[in-house]
Amino acid sequence: MRRKDFIEEVEKESRRLKDSRANRRGLWYYLASAFSVGWLVVIPTIGGAYFGRYLDKRWNTGGYWTLSLMLGGLLAGIFCVWYSGMGRGGDRR
């Protein structure tokens, strides 16, 4: 590696480091992210459980619909989390 290439590489890494320090996110950002991810999973899961319980009471099917729709809601919530994080941009460097 030549000296000029080495200096350019060091300057490039220095700029990258300065940018990462300038864009530092605080505790509130990460707490808000955790809560939003939590709600993306909890809301469909509980909604599926309530709707399944309603169907079970109406058709007297035991716990079949409750369990099925709760699992479906959980899978839908996991998909929502994946889509909001990976589906819109993936690599966020």
N, C-alpha and C. Protein backbone atom coordinates (compact mmCIF):
# COMPACT_ATOMS: atom_id res chain seq x y z
N MET A 1 0.85 -1.17 0.00
CA MET A 1 0.00 0.00 0.00
C MET A 1 0.90 1.24 0.00
N ARG A 2 0.58 2.13 -0.89
CA ARG A 2 1.35 3.36 -0.96
C ARG A 2 0.93 4.31 0.14
N ARG A 3 1.80 5.25 0.40
CA ARG A 3 1.55 6.21 1.47
C ARG A 3 0.29 7.03 1.19
N LYS A 4 0.10 7.45 -0.06
CA LYS A 4 -1.06 8.25 -0.42
C LYS A 4 -2.36 7.46 -0.20
N ASP A 5 -2.37 6.19 -0.59
CA ASP A 5 -3.55 5.35 -0.38
C ASP A 5 -3.82 5.16 1.11
N PHE A 6 -2.76 5.01 1.87
CA PHE A 6 -2.92 4.84 3.31
C PHE A 6 -3.53 6.09 3.94
N ILE A 7 -3.05 7.26 3.55
CA ILE A 7 -3.57 8.52 4.10
C ILE A 7 -5.04 8.70 3.71
N GLU A 8 -5.39 8.38 2.47
CA GLU A 8 -6.78 8.49 2.04
C GLU A 8 -7.69 7.54 2.84
N GLU A 9 -7.19 6.35 3.08
CA GLU A 9 -7.96 5.37 3.84
C GLU A 9 -8.17 5.84 5.29
N VAL A 10 -7.15 6.39 5.89
CA VAL A 10 -7.26 6.90 7.26
C VAL A 10 -8.23 8.08 7.31
N GLU A 11 -8.16 8.97 6.34
CA GLU A 11 -9.09 10.11 6.30
C GLU A 11 -10.53 9.64 6.11
N LYS A 12 -10.71 8.64 5.28
CA LYS A 12 -12.04 8.09 5.04
C LYS A 12 -12.62 7.49 6.32
N GLU A 13 -11.82 6.72 7.02
CA GLU A 13 -12.27 6.12 8.28
C GLU A 13 -12.51 7.18 9.35
N SER A 14 -11.70 8.23 9.33
CA SER A 14 -11.88 9.32 10.28
C SER A 14 -13.21 10.04 10.04
N ARG A 15 -13.55 10.29 8.79
CA ARG A 15 -14.84 10.90 8.46
C ARG A 15 -16.00 10.01 8.87
N ARG A 16 -15.86 8.72 8.63
CA ARG A 16 -16.90 7.77 9.00
C ARG A 16 -17.10 7.75 10.51
N LEU A 17 -16.02 7.80 11.26
CA LEU A 17 -16.10 7.81 12.72
C LEU A 17 -16.75 9.09 13.23
N LYS A 18 -16.38 10.24 12.65
CA LYS A 18 -17.00 11.51 13.04
C LYS A 18 -18.49 11.49 12.76
N ASP A 19 -18.88 10.97 11.59
CA ASP A 19 -20.30 10.90 11.25
C ASP A 19 -21.06 10.00 12.22
N SER A 20 -20.47 8.89 12.59
CA SER A 20 -21.16 7.99 13.51
C SER A 20 -21.29 8.61 14.90
N ARG A 21 -20.32 9.38 15.31
CA ARG A 21 -20.43 10.06 16.62
C ARG A 21 -21.45 11.18 16.58
N ALA A 22 -21.56 11.86 15.43
CA ALA A 22 -22.52 12.95 15.30
C ALA A 22 -23.95 12.41 15.27
N ASN A 23 -24.14 11.21 14.76
CA ASN A 23 -25.47 10.63 14.63
C ASN A 23 -25.81 9.69 15.78
N ARG A 24 -25.16 9.84 16.89
CA ARG A 24 -25.38 8.96 18.04
C ARG A 24 -26.80 9.14 18.56
N ARG A 25 -27.44 8.02 18.79
CA ARG A 25 -28.81 8.06 19.28
C ARG A 25 -28.81 7.78 20.77
N GLY A 26 -29.73 8.39 21.46
CA GLY A 26 -29.78 8.27 22.91
C GLY A 26 -30.69 7.15 23.39
N LEU A 27 -30.81 7.09 24.69
CA LEU A 27 -31.60 6.07 25.36
C LEU A 27 -33.06 6.12 24.94
N TRP A 28 -33.62 7.31 24.81
CA TRP A 28 -35.04 7.43 24.47
C TRP A 28 -35.34 6.87 23.09
N TYR A 29 -34.43 7.02 22.16
CA TYR A 29 -34.62 6.46 20.82
C TYR A 29 -34.74 4.94 20.90
N TYR A 30 -33.84 4.31 21.65
CA TYR A 30 -33.86 2.86 21.73
C TYR A 30 -35.06 2.35 22.54
N LEU A 31 -35.47 3.08 23.57
CA LEU A 31 -36.67 2.69 24.30
C LEU A 31 -37.92 2.80 23.42
N ALA A 32 -38.01 3.86 22.66
CA ALA A 32 -39.15 4.02 21.76
C ALA A 32 -39.17 2.93 20.70
N SER A 33 -38.00 2.55 20.20
CA SER A 33 -37.92 1.47 19.22
C SER A 33 -38.36 0.15 19.83
N ALA A 34 -37.93 -0.12 21.04
CA ALA A 34 -38.30 -1.38 21.70
C ALA A 34 -39.80 -1.43 21.94
N PHE A 35 -40.39 -0.33 22.40
CA PHE A 35 -41.83 -0.31 22.65
C PHE A 35 -42.62 -0.45 21.35
N SER A 36 -42.16 0.19 20.28
CA SER A 36 -42.90 0.07 19.02
C SER A 36 -42.82 -1.35 18.48
N VAL A 37 -41.67 -1.99 18.62
CA VAL A 37 -41.56 -3.38 18.19
C VAL A 37 -42.45 -4.26 19.05
N GLY A 38 -42.49 -3.99 20.34
CA GLY A 38 -43.36 -4.75 21.23
C GLY A 38 -44.82 -4.64 20.85
N TRP A 39 -45.26 -3.41 20.56
CA TRP A 39 -46.66 -3.23 20.19
C TRP A 39 -46.98 -3.85 18.85
N LEU A 40 -46.02 -3.88 17.94
CA LEU A 40 -46.26 -4.52 16.65
C LEU A 40 -46.52 -6.02 16.80
N VAL A 41 -46.00 -6.62 17.85
CA VAL A 41 -46.22 -8.04 18.08
C VAL A 41 -47.43 -8.26 19.00
N VAL A 42 -47.59 -7.44 20.01
CA VAL A 42 -48.63 -7.65 21.02
C VAL A 42 -50.04 -7.41 20.47
N ILE A 43 -50.23 -6.35 19.73
CA ILE A 43 -51.58 -6.00 19.25
C ILE A 43 -52.18 -7.11 18.38
N PRO A 44 -51.50 -7.61 17.34
CA PRO A 44 -52.11 -8.69 16.56
C PRO A 44 -52.31 -9.98 17.36
N THR A 45 -51.40 -10.27 18.27
CA THR A 45 -51.53 -11.49 19.08
C THR A 45 -52.77 -11.43 19.98
N ILE A 46 -52.93 -10.34 20.69
CA ILE A 46 -54.09 -10.20 21.57
C ILE A 46 -55.38 -10.08 20.75
N GLY A 47 -55.31 -9.38 19.64
CA GLY A 47 -56.49 -9.29 18.77
C GLY A 47 -56.92 -10.66 18.26
N GLY A 48 -55.97 -11.47 17.86
CA GLY A 48 -56.29 -12.82 17.41
C GLY A 48 -56.86 -13.67 18.53
N ALA A 49 -56.33 -13.52 19.73
CA ALA A 49 -56.85 -14.28 20.87
C ALA A 49 -58.28 -13.88 21.19
N TYR A 50 -58.58 -12.58 21.20
CA TYR A 50 -59.94 -12.13 21.49
C TYR A 50 -60.93 -12.60 20.42
N PHE A 51 -60.54 -12.45 19.18
CA PHE A 51 -61.44 -12.88 18.10
C PHE A 51 -61.62 -14.40 18.12
N GLY A 52 -60.55 -15.14 18.40
CA GLY A 52 -60.65 -16.59 18.51
C GLY A 52 -61.54 -17.00 19.67
N ARG A 53 -61.45 -16.30 20.79
CA ARG A 53 -62.30 -16.60 21.94
C ARG A 53 -63.77 -16.35 21.60
N TYR A 54 -64.02 -15.27 20.86
CA TYR A 54 -65.39 -14.99 20.42
C TYR A 54 -65.91 -16.13 19.55
N LEU A 55 -65.12 -16.59 18.59
CA LEU A 55 -65.55 -17.68 17.71
C LEU A 55 -65.74 -18.98 18.49
N ASP A 56 -64.87 -19.25 19.46
CA ASP A 56 -65.01 -20.45 20.28
C ASP A 56 -66.30 -20.43 21.09
N LYS A 57 -66.66 -19.29 21.65
CA LYS A 57 -67.90 -19.20 22.41
C LYS A 57 -69.12 -19.34 21.50
N ARG A 58 -69.03 -18.74 20.32
CA ARG A 58 -70.16 -18.75 19.40
C ARG A 58 -70.42 -20.15 18.84
N TRP A 59 -69.37 -20.87 18.48
CA TRP A 59 -69.52 -22.18 17.85
C TRP A 59 -69.20 -23.34 18.80
N ASN A 60 -68.88 -23.04 20.06
CA ASN A 60 -68.61 -24.06 21.08
C ASN A 60 -67.54 -25.06 20.59
N THR A 61 -66.38 -24.53 20.20
CA THR A 61 -65.31 -25.38 19.66
C THR A 61 -64.14 -25.53 20.62
N GLY A 62 -64.35 -25.31 21.88
CA GLY A 62 -63.26 -25.46 22.84
C GLY A 62 -62.28 -24.31 22.71
N GLY A 63 -61.02 -24.61 22.53
CA GLY A 63 -60.01 -23.56 22.41
C GLY A 63 -59.33 -23.54 21.05
N TYR A 64 -59.96 -24.19 20.07
CA TYR A 64 -59.33 -24.31 18.75
C TYR A 64 -59.06 -22.95 18.10
N TRP A 65 -60.10 -22.13 18.00
CA TRP A 65 -59.93 -20.85 17.32
C TRP A 65 -59.07 -19.88 18.12
N THR A 66 -59.17 -19.93 19.43
CA THR A 66 -58.36 -19.04 20.26
C THR A 66 -56.89 -19.29 20.02
N LEU A 67 -56.49 -20.54 20.10
CA LEU A 67 -55.09 -20.89 19.91
C LEU A 67 -54.63 -20.62 18.48
N SER A 68 -55.47 -20.99 17.50
CA SER A 68 -55.09 -20.80 16.10
C SER A 68 -54.92 -19.32 15.74
N LEU A 69 -55.89 -18.52 16.14
CA LEU A 69 -55.81 -17.10 15.78
C LEU A 69 -54.78 -16.34 16.61
N MET A 70 -54.52 -16.81 17.83
CA MET A 70 -53.45 -16.20 18.61
C MET A 70 -52.10 -16.47 17.95
N LEU A 71 -51.89 -17.70 17.50
CA LEU A 71 -50.66 -18.03 16.79
C LEU A 71 -50.57 -17.26 15.47
N GLY A 72 -51.70 -17.14 14.77
CA GLY A 72 -51.72 -16.35 13.54
C GLY A 72 -51.39 -14.90 13.79
N GLY A 73 -51.91 -14.34 14.87
CA GLY A 73 -51.60 -12.96 15.23
C GLY A 73 -50.14 -12.78 15.59
N LEU A 74 -49.57 -13.77 16.28
CA LEU A 74 -48.15 -13.72 16.62
C LEU A 74 -47.29 -13.74 15.35
N LEU A 75 -47.64 -14.61 14.42
CA LEU A 75 -46.89 -14.67 13.16
C LEU A 75 -47.06 -13.38 12.36
N ALA A 76 -48.26 -12.81 12.36
CA ALA A 76 -48.48 -11.53 11.67
C ALA A 76 -47.66 -10.42 12.32
N GLY A 77 -47.58 -10.42 13.65
CA GLY A 77 -46.78 -9.41 14.35
C GLY A 77 -45.30 -9.55 14.03
N ILE A 78 -44.81 -10.78 13.99
CA ILE A 78 -43.41 -11.00 13.65
C ILE A 78 -43.13 -10.55 12.23
N PHE A 79 -44.08 -10.82 11.32
CA PHE A 79 -43.92 -10.35 9.94
C PHE A 79 -43.89 -8.82 9.89
N CYS A 80 -44.75 -8.17 10.67
CA CYS A 80 -44.76 -6.70 10.69
C CYS A 80 -43.43 -6.14 11.17
N VAL A 81 -42.86 -6.77 12.19
CA VAL A 81 -41.55 -6.32 12.69
C VAL A 81 -40.49 -6.52 11.62
N TRP A 82 -40.51 -7.68 10.98
CA TRP A 82 -39.53 -7.94 9.92
C TRP A 82 -39.70 -6.95 8.77
N TYR A 83 -40.94 -6.70 8.37
CA TYR A 83 -41.18 -5.81 7.24
C TYR A 83 -40.79 -4.38 7.57
N SER A 84 -41.06 -3.94 8.79
CA SER A 84 -40.71 -2.56 9.14
C SER A 84 -39.20 -2.38 9.26
N GLY A 85 -38.48 -3.42 9.62
CA GLY A 85 -37.03 -3.30 9.75
C GLY A 85 -36.28 -3.67 8.49
N MET A 86 -36.65 -4.77 7.88
CA MET A 86 -35.91 -5.27 6.73
C MET A 86 -36.56 -4.90 5.40
N GLY A 87 -37.85 -4.87 5.36
CA GLY A 87 -38.56 -4.68 4.11
C GLY A 87 -38.40 -3.31 3.50
N ARG A 88 -38.17 -2.30 4.31
CA ARG A 88 -38.07 -0.94 3.77
C ARG A 88 -36.68 -0.54 3.35
N GLY A 89 -35.68 -1.25 3.79
CA GLY A 89 -34.36 -0.80 3.42
C GLY A 89 -33.27 -1.80 3.74
N GLY A 90 -33.54 -2.70 4.62
CA GLY A 90 -32.55 -3.72 4.93
C GLY A 90 -31.34 -3.16 5.64
N ASP A 91 -30.23 -3.09 4.95
CA ASP A 91 -28.97 -2.65 5.52
C ASP A 91 -29.00 -1.15 5.78
N ARG A 92 -28.94 -0.77 7.05
CA ARG A 92 -29.03 0.66 7.42
C ARG A 92 -27.72 1.13 8.00
N ARG A 93 -26.73 1.22 7.22
CA ARG A 93 -25.43 1.71 7.67
C ARG A 93 -25.33 3.18 7.55
